[in-house]
Amino acid sequence: MNVFDKICALFAFVMGIILLVAGVFGFFAGVRVWFTLPPILGLLPALAGWGIVRPVYLVWNMNKPDAVSSPEL
C-alpha cells in the first residue's frame, strides 16, 4: 500500500469506528447521528462500520510478498 492508500484507509477506518459505535448504542437506544433509526434498526450502522473496519484491518496487516527470485539455470 502506498501513502495515499494508507491515508484513505485511515479515514475509512475512522468512519467505520464511528458507525460501529453508533450502531452499538443504536441497538439499545436508537440512532440519531446523520439519520434517525429506531432501537432495533440502530444495529445497521454497526454492520456498515464492520464492513469498513474489517477489510481495512486485514489489508493493513497483510504480509508484504517476498522478492521473487529468478530460477537457477
Protein backbone atom coordinates (compact mmCIF):
# COMPACT_ATOMS: atom_id res chain seq x y z
CA MET A 1 0.00 0.00 0.00
CA ASN A 2 1.34 3.40 -0.90
CA VAL A 3 0.92 6.54 1.22
CA PHE A 4 -2.32 7.64 -0.49
CA ASP A 5 -3.86 4.20 0.08
CA LYS A 6 -2.89 4.31 3.74
CA ILE A 7 -4.41 7.78 4.21
CA CYS A 8 -7.67 6.70 2.56
CA ALA A 9 -7.69 3.50 4.64
CA LEU A 10 -7.18 5.53 7.80
CA PHE A 11 -10.14 7.80 7.01
CA ALA A 12 -12.28 4.75 6.16
CA PHE A 13 -11.22 3.07 9.41
CA VAL A 14 -12.19 6.12 11.47
CA MET A 15 -15.57 6.34 9.71
CA GLY A 16 -16.10 2.63 10.32
CA ILE A 17 -15.35 3.03 14.04
CA ILE A 18 -17.86 5.90 14.24
CA LEU A 19 -20.51 3.74 12.59
CA LEU A 20 -19.69 0.80 14.87
CA VAL A 21 -20.10 2.92 17.99
CA ALA A 22 -23.32 4.49 16.69
CA GLY A 23 -24.64 1.03 15.86
CA VAL A 24 -23.87 -0.45 19.27
CA PHE A 25 -25.60 2.43 21.05
CA GLY A 26 -28.32 2.44 18.41
CA PHE A 27 -29.18 -1.18 19.04
CA PHE A 28 -30.39 -0.25 22.51
CA ALA A 29 -31.46 3.38 22.24
CA GLY A 30 -31.91 4.14 18.56
CA VAL A 31 -29.65 6.30 16.41
CA ARG A 32 -29.80 9.95 15.60
CA VAL A 33 -26.47 10.92 14.08
CA TRP A 34 -26.85 11.92 10.42
CA PHE A 35 -30.03 9.86 10.24
CA THR A 36 -32.66 8.54 12.64
CA LEU A 37 -33.31 4.86 13.29
CA PRO A 38 -35.43 3.14 15.95
CA PRO A 39 -33.72 0.96 18.61
CA ILE A 40 -33.56 -2.43 16.85
CA LEU A 41 -32.67 -1.00 13.42
CA GLY A 42 -29.95 1.06 15.11
CA LEU A 43 -27.74 -2.00 14.63
CA LEU A 44 -27.49 -1.33 10.87
CA PRO A 45 -24.73 1.30 11.17
CA ALA A 46 -22.67 -1.20 13.15
CA LEU A 47 -22.91 -3.65 10.27
CA ALA A 48 -21.79 -0.98 7.80
CA GLY A 49 -18.98 0.02 10.15
CA TRP A 50 -17.84 -3.58 10.48
CA GLY A 51 -17.90 -3.89 6.69
CA ILE A 52 -15.45 -0.99 6.52
CA VAL A 53 -13.22 -1.75 9.53
CA ARG A 54 -12.62 -5.46 8.87
CA PRO A 55 -11.23 -5.20 5.30
CA VAL A 56 -9.10 -2.17 6.17
CA TYR A 57 -7.65 -4.02 9.15
CA LEU A 58 -6.92 -7.14 7.07
CA VAL A 59 -5.26 -5.24 4.22
CA TRP A 60 -3.21 -3.08 6.57
CA ASN A 61 -1.79 -6.16 8.29
CA MET A 62 -1.11 -8.20 5.16
CA ASN A 63 2.38 -9.56 4.79
CA LYS A 64 4.33 -7.98 2.01
CA PRO A 65 5.23 -10.52 -0.67
CA ASP A 66 8.83 -11.64 -0.73
CA ALA A 67 11.03 -10.62 -3.62
CA VAL A 68 10.64 -13.02 -6.50
CA SER A 69 13.90 -14.75 -7.22
CA SER A 70 14.85 -15.83 -10.69
CA PRO A 71 15.12 -19.58 -11.17
CA GLU A 72 18.59 -21.07 -11.20
CA LEU A 73 19.64 -22.44 -14.57
